[in-house]
Amino acid sequence: MTETTGGRTVDDDVALRVLVYSHDAATRSRVMSALGTRPHPDLPRLTYLEVATAPVALEHLDAGGVDLAILDGEATPTGGLGLAKQLRDELDRCPPVLVLIGRADDRWLADWSRADASVPHPIDPLRLRDAVNGLLAPA
């Protein structure tokens, strides 16, 4: 089924795959709850791939099929900022990367990691949604 919103046609059978990386299950849950299944009417629905370890995140991202990576900069033992930098350095096709940073002043670390966007902890659902919509919006 297709739906027309704002002059755009969105196919309900299409989904964007979002990898959410954090060692903390509560952080992953807050991200998914903040975004829901469709953060904007012009976007396809979102499906989530929850990942708790960096090696598994790398495996999934290297395999492809991920449309957005949301990485927790406060994750341990491998932080999302270092993982974002590694993805940019090592993957030929890296999806957009959003990092969750410990505080707004850590934005320079997000820039160093070459992340496409950053949102500080604690997660503000509106700010997260706006950042994700900006990364996934059709060109």
C-alpha atoms as a PDB file:
ATOM      1  CA  MET A   1       0.000   0.000   0.000  1.00  0.00           C
ATOM      2  CA  THR A   2       1.205   3.494  -0.729  1.00  0.00           C
ATOM      3  CA  GLU A   3       0.317   6.659   1.080  1.00  0.00           C
ATOM      4  CA  THR A   4       0.634  10.209  -0.223  1.00  0.00           C
ATOM      5  CA  THR A   5       1.700  12.894   2.246  1.00  0.00           C
ATOM      6  CA  GLY A   6       2.862  16.367   1.466  1.00  0.00           C
ATOM      7  CA  GLY A   7       3.129  15.566  -2.241  1.00  0.00           C
ATOM      8  CA  ARG A   8       5.361  12.540  -1.618  1.00  0.00           C
ATOM      9  CA  THR A   9       4.407   8.909  -1.973  1.00  0.00           C
ATOM     10  CA  VAL A  10       5.526   6.635   0.860  1.00  0.00           C
ATOM     11  CA  ASP A  11       5.404   2.878   0.297  1.00  0.00           C
ATOM     12  CA  ASP A  12       4.274   1.068   3.462  1.00  0.00           C
ATOM     13  CA  ASP A  13       6.117  -2.061   2.312  1.00  0.00           C
ATOM     14  CA  VAL A  14       9.466  -0.243   2.436  1.00  0.00           C
ATOM     15  CA  ALA A  15      11.301   0.131   5.735  1.00  0.00           C
ATOM     16  CA  LEU A  16      14.497   1.862   6.738  1.00  0.00           C
ATOM     17  CA  ARG A  17      16.781  -0.217   8.937  1.00  0.00           C
ATOM     18  CA  VAL A  18      18.276   1.616  11.924  1.00  0.00           C
ATOM     19  CA  LEU A  19      21.117   0.100  13.933  1.00  0.00           C
ATOM     20  CA  VAL A  20      21.044   1.252  17.568  1.00  0.00           C
ATOM     21  CA  TYR A  21      24.300   0.572  19.426  1.00  0.00           C
ATOM     22  CA  SER A  22      24.683   0.859  23.194  1.00  0.00           C
ATOM     23  CA  HIS A  23      25.807  -1.486  25.937  1.00  0.00           C
ATOM     24  CA  ASP A  24      22.838  -0.158  27.921  1.00  0.00           C
ATOM     25  CA  ALA A  25      19.485  -1.713  26.996  1.00  0.00           C
ATOM     26  CA  ALA A  26      17.648   1.258  28.558  1.00  0.00           C
ATOM     27  CA  THR A  27      19.452   3.683  26.226  1.00  0.00           C
ATOM     28  CA  ARG A  28      18.560   1.566  23.197  1.00  0.00           C
ATOM     29  CA  SER A  29      14.954   1.462  24.366  1.00  0.00           C
ATOM     30  CA  ARG A  30      14.822   5.263  24.868  1.00  0.00           C
ATOM     31  CA  VAL A  31      16.124   5.818  21.330  1.00  0.00           C
ATOM     32  CA  MET A  32      13.568   3.484  19.772  1.00  0.00           C
ATOM     33  CA  SER A  33      10.747   4.869  21.891  1.00  0.00           C
ATOM     34  CA  ALA A  34      11.664   8.462  20.989  1.00  0.00           C
ATOM     35  CA  LEU A  35      11.652   7.711  17.265  1.00  0.00           C
ATOM     36  CA  GLY A  36       8.788   5.239  17.052  1.00  0.00           C
ATOM     37  CA  THR A  37       8.087   3.443  13.805  1.00  0.00           C
ATOM     38  CA  ARG A  38       7.601   6.534  11.660  1.00  0.00           C
ATOM     39  CA  PRO A  39       9.241   9.742  12.914  1.00  0.00           C
ATOM     40  CA  HIS A  40       7.999  11.747   9.926  1.00  0.00           C
ATOM     41  CA  PRO A  41       5.097  11.163   7.512  1.00  0.00           C
ATOM     42  CA  ASP A  42       7.385  11.578   4.477  1.00  0.00           C
ATOM     43  CA  LEU A  43       9.679   8.755   5.622  1.00  0.00           C
ATOM     44  CA  PRO A  44       9.151   5.020   5.341  1.00  0.00           C
ATOM     45  CA  ARG A  45       8.654   3.177   8.601  1.00  0.00           C
ATOM     46  CA  LEU A  46      11.694   2.311  10.683  1.00  0.00           C
ATOM     47  CA  THR A  47      12.816  -1.118  11.812  1.00  0.00           C
ATOM     48  CA  TYR A  48      15.450  -1.473  14.489  1.00  0.00           C
ATOM     49  CA  LEU A  49      18.475  -3.647  14.957  1.00  0.00           C
ATOM     50  CA  GLU A  50      19.585  -3.470  18.596  1.00  0.00           C
ATOM     51  CA  VAL A  51      23.284  -4.113  19.165  1.00  0.00           C
ATOM     52  CA  ALA A  52      25.131  -4.204  22.503  1.00  0.00           C
ATOM     53  CA  THR A  53      28.726  -4.808  21.346  1.00  0.00           C
ATOM     54  CA  ALA A  54      31.005  -3.079  18.861  1.00  0.00           C
ATOM     55  CA  PRO A  55      32.088  -6.286  17.050  1.00  0.00           C
ATOM     56  CA  VAL A  56      28.457  -7.165  16.292  1.00  0.00           C
ATOM     57  CA  ALA A  57      27.741  -3.585  15.179  1.00  0.00           C
ATOM     58  CA  LEU A  58      30.736  -3.707  12.826  1.00  0.00           C
ATOM     59  CA  GLU A  59      29.591  -7.057  11.451  1.00  0.00           C
ATOM     60  CA  HIS A  60      26.114  -5.730  10.613  1.00  0.00           C
ATOM     61  CA  LEU A  61      27.363  -2.435   9.194  1.00  0.00           C
ATOM     62  CA  ASP A  62      30.008  -4.165   7.086  1.00  0.00           C
ATOM     63  CA  ALA A  63      27.354  -6.506   5.670  1.00  0.00           C
ATOM     64  CA  GLY A  64      25.278  -3.529   4.511  1.00  0.00           C
ATOM     65  CA  GLY A  65      21.539  -3.019   4.576  1.00  0.00           C
ATOM     66  CA  VAL A  66      21.649  -0.465   7.400  1.00  0.00           C
ATOM     67  CA  ASP A  67      20.204   2.950   6.528  1.00  0.00           C
ATOM     68  CA  LEU A  68      21.230   4.776   9.719  1.00  0.00           C
ATOM     69  CA  ALA A  69      23.540   4.008  12.638  1.00  0.00           C
ATOM     70  CA  ILE A  70      22.805   5.543  16.033  1.00  0.00           C
ATOM     71  CA  LEU A  71      25.810   5.037  18.298  1.00  0.00           C
ATOM     72  CA  ASP A  72      26.007   5.740  22.024  1.00  0.00           C
ATOM     73  CA  GLY A  73      29.138   7.753  22.719  1.00  0.00           C
ATOM     74  CA  GLU A  74      28.925   6.676  26.364  1.00  0.00           C
ATOM     75  CA  ALA A  75      28.890   2.934  25.569  1.00  0.00           C
ATOM     76  CA  THR A  76      31.550   0.738  27.142  1.00  0.00           C
ATOM     77  CA  PRO A  77      33.989  -0.777  26.529  1.00  0.00           C
ATOM     78  CA  THR A  78      33.883   0.662  22.983  1.00  0.00           C
ATOM     79  CA  GLY A  79      32.364   4.118  22.787  1.00  0.00           C
ATOM     80  CA  GLY A  80      30.202   5.200  19.906  1.00  0.00           C
ATOM     81  CA  LEU A  81      32.520   8.082  19.001  1.00  0.00           C
ATOM     82  CA  GLY A  82      35.482   5.782  18.393  1.00  0.00           C
ATOM     83  CA  LEU A  83      33.223   3.346  16.575  1.00  0.00           C
ATOM     84  CA  ALA A  84      31.912   6.149  14.334  1.00  0.00           C
ATOM     85  CA  LYS A  85      35.484   7.116  13.424  1.00  0.00           C
ATOM     86  CA  GLN A  86      36.334   3.484  12.701  1.00  0.00           C
ATOM     87  CA  LEU A  87      33.286   3.133  10.442  1.00  0.00           C
ATOM     88  CA  ARG A  88      34.256   6.233   8.459  1.00  0.00           C
ATOM     89  CA  ASP A  89      37.849   5.030   8.139  1.00  0.00           C
ATOM     90  CA  GLU A  90      37.120   1.410   7.235  1.00  0.00           C
ATOM     91  CA  LEU A  91      33.783   1.103   5.423  1.00  0.00           C
ATOM     92  CA  ASP A  92      33.476   1.899   1.742  1.00  0.00           C
ATOM     93  CA  ARG A  93      29.741   2.485   2.129  1.00  0.00           C
ATOM     94  CA  CYS A  94      28.974   3.913   5.515  1.00  0.00           C
ATOM     95  CA  PRO A  95      25.384   4.865   6.329  1.00  0.00           C
ATOM     96  CA  PRO A  96      24.673   8.185   8.019  1.00  0.00           C
ATOM     97  CA  VAL A  97      25.908   8.123  11.621  1.00  0.00           C
ATOM     98  CA  LEU A  98      24.312   9.863  14.591  1.00  0.00           C
ATOM     99  CA  VAL A  99      26.173   9.767  17.909  1.00  0.00           C
ATOM    100  CA  LEU A 100      24.700  10.266  21.353  1.00  0.00           C
ATOM    101  CA  ILE A 101      27.142  12.421  23.290  1.00  0.00           C
ATOM    102  CA  GLY A 102      27.536  12.822  27.041  1.00  0.00           C
ATOM    103  CA  ARG A 103      26.932  16.574  26.974  1.00  0.00           C
ATOM    104  CA  ALA A 104      26.465  19.316  24.398  1.00  0.00           C
ATOM    105  CA  ASP A 105      30.064  20.488  24.927  1.00  0.00           C
ATOM    106  CA  ASP A 106      31.255  17.143  23.521  1.00  0.00           C
ATOM    107  CA  ARG A 107      30.151  18.198  20.027  1.00  0.00           C
ATOM    108  CA  TRP A 108      33.826  18.609  19.058  1.00  0.00           C
ATOM    109  CA  LEU A 109      34.301  14.871  19.690  1.00  0.00           C
ATOM    110  CA  ALA A 110      31.388  14.126  17.374  1.00  0.00           C
ATOM    111  CA  ASP A 111      33.049  16.315  14.741  1.00  0.00           C
ATOM    112  CA  TRP A 112      36.346  14.433  15.233  1.00  0.00           C
ATOM    113  CA  SER A 113      34.541  11.105  14.782  1.00  0.00           C
ATOM    114  CA  ARG A 114      33.072  12.401  11.500  1.00  0.00           C
ATOM    115  CA  ALA A 115      29.529  11.674  12.660  1.00  0.00           C
ATOM    116  CA  ASP A 116      26.801  13.257  10.558  1.00  0.00           C
ATOM    117  CA  ALA A 117      24.861  14.440  13.611  1.00  0.00           C
ATOM    118  CA  SER A 118      24.937  14.343  17.390  1.00  0.00           C
ATOM    119  CA  VAL A 119      22.380  14.550  20.174  1.00  0.00           C
ATOM    120  CA  PRO A 120      23.372  14.958  23.837  1.00  0.00           C
ATOM    121  CA  HIS A 121      22.267  12.784  26.744  1.00  0.00           C
ATOM    122  CA  PRO A 122      19.720  12.815  28.253  1.00  0.00           C
ATOM    123  CA  ILE A 123      17.863  12.017  25.064  1.00  0.00           C
ATOM    124  CA  ASP A 124      15.355  14.681  24.057  1.00  0.00           C
ATOM    125  CA  PRO A 125      12.827  12.887  21.803  1.00  0.00           C
ATOM    126  CA  LEU A 126      12.107  15.987  19.694  1.00  0.00           C
ATOM    127  CA  ARG A 127      15.771  16.786  19.158  1.00  0.00           C
ATOM    128  CA  LEU A 128      16.536  13.147  18.282  1.00  0.00           C
ATOM    129  CA  ARG A 129      13.604  12.986  15.871  1.00  0.00           C
ATOM    130  CA  ASP A 130      14.666  16.209  14.153  1.00  0.00           C
ATOM    131  CA  ALA A 131      18.236  14.955  13.742  1.00  0.00           C
ATOM    132  CA  VAL A 132      17.108  11.591  12.354  1.00  0.00           C
ATOM    133  CA  ASN A 133      14.603  13.213   9.989  1.00  0.00           C
ATOM    134  CA  GLY A 134      17.377  15.459   8.685  1.00  0.00           C
ATOM    135  CA  LEU A 135      19.618  12.468   7.994  1.00  0.00           C
ATOM    136  CA  LEU A 136      16.944  10.292   6.378  1.00  0.00           C
ATOM    137  CA  ALA A 137      14.922  12.922   4.499  1.00  0.00           C
ATOM    138  CA  PRO A 138      14.645  12.256   0.772  1.00  0.00           C
ATOM    139  CA  ALA A 139      16.861  14.553  -1.277  1.00  0.00           C
END
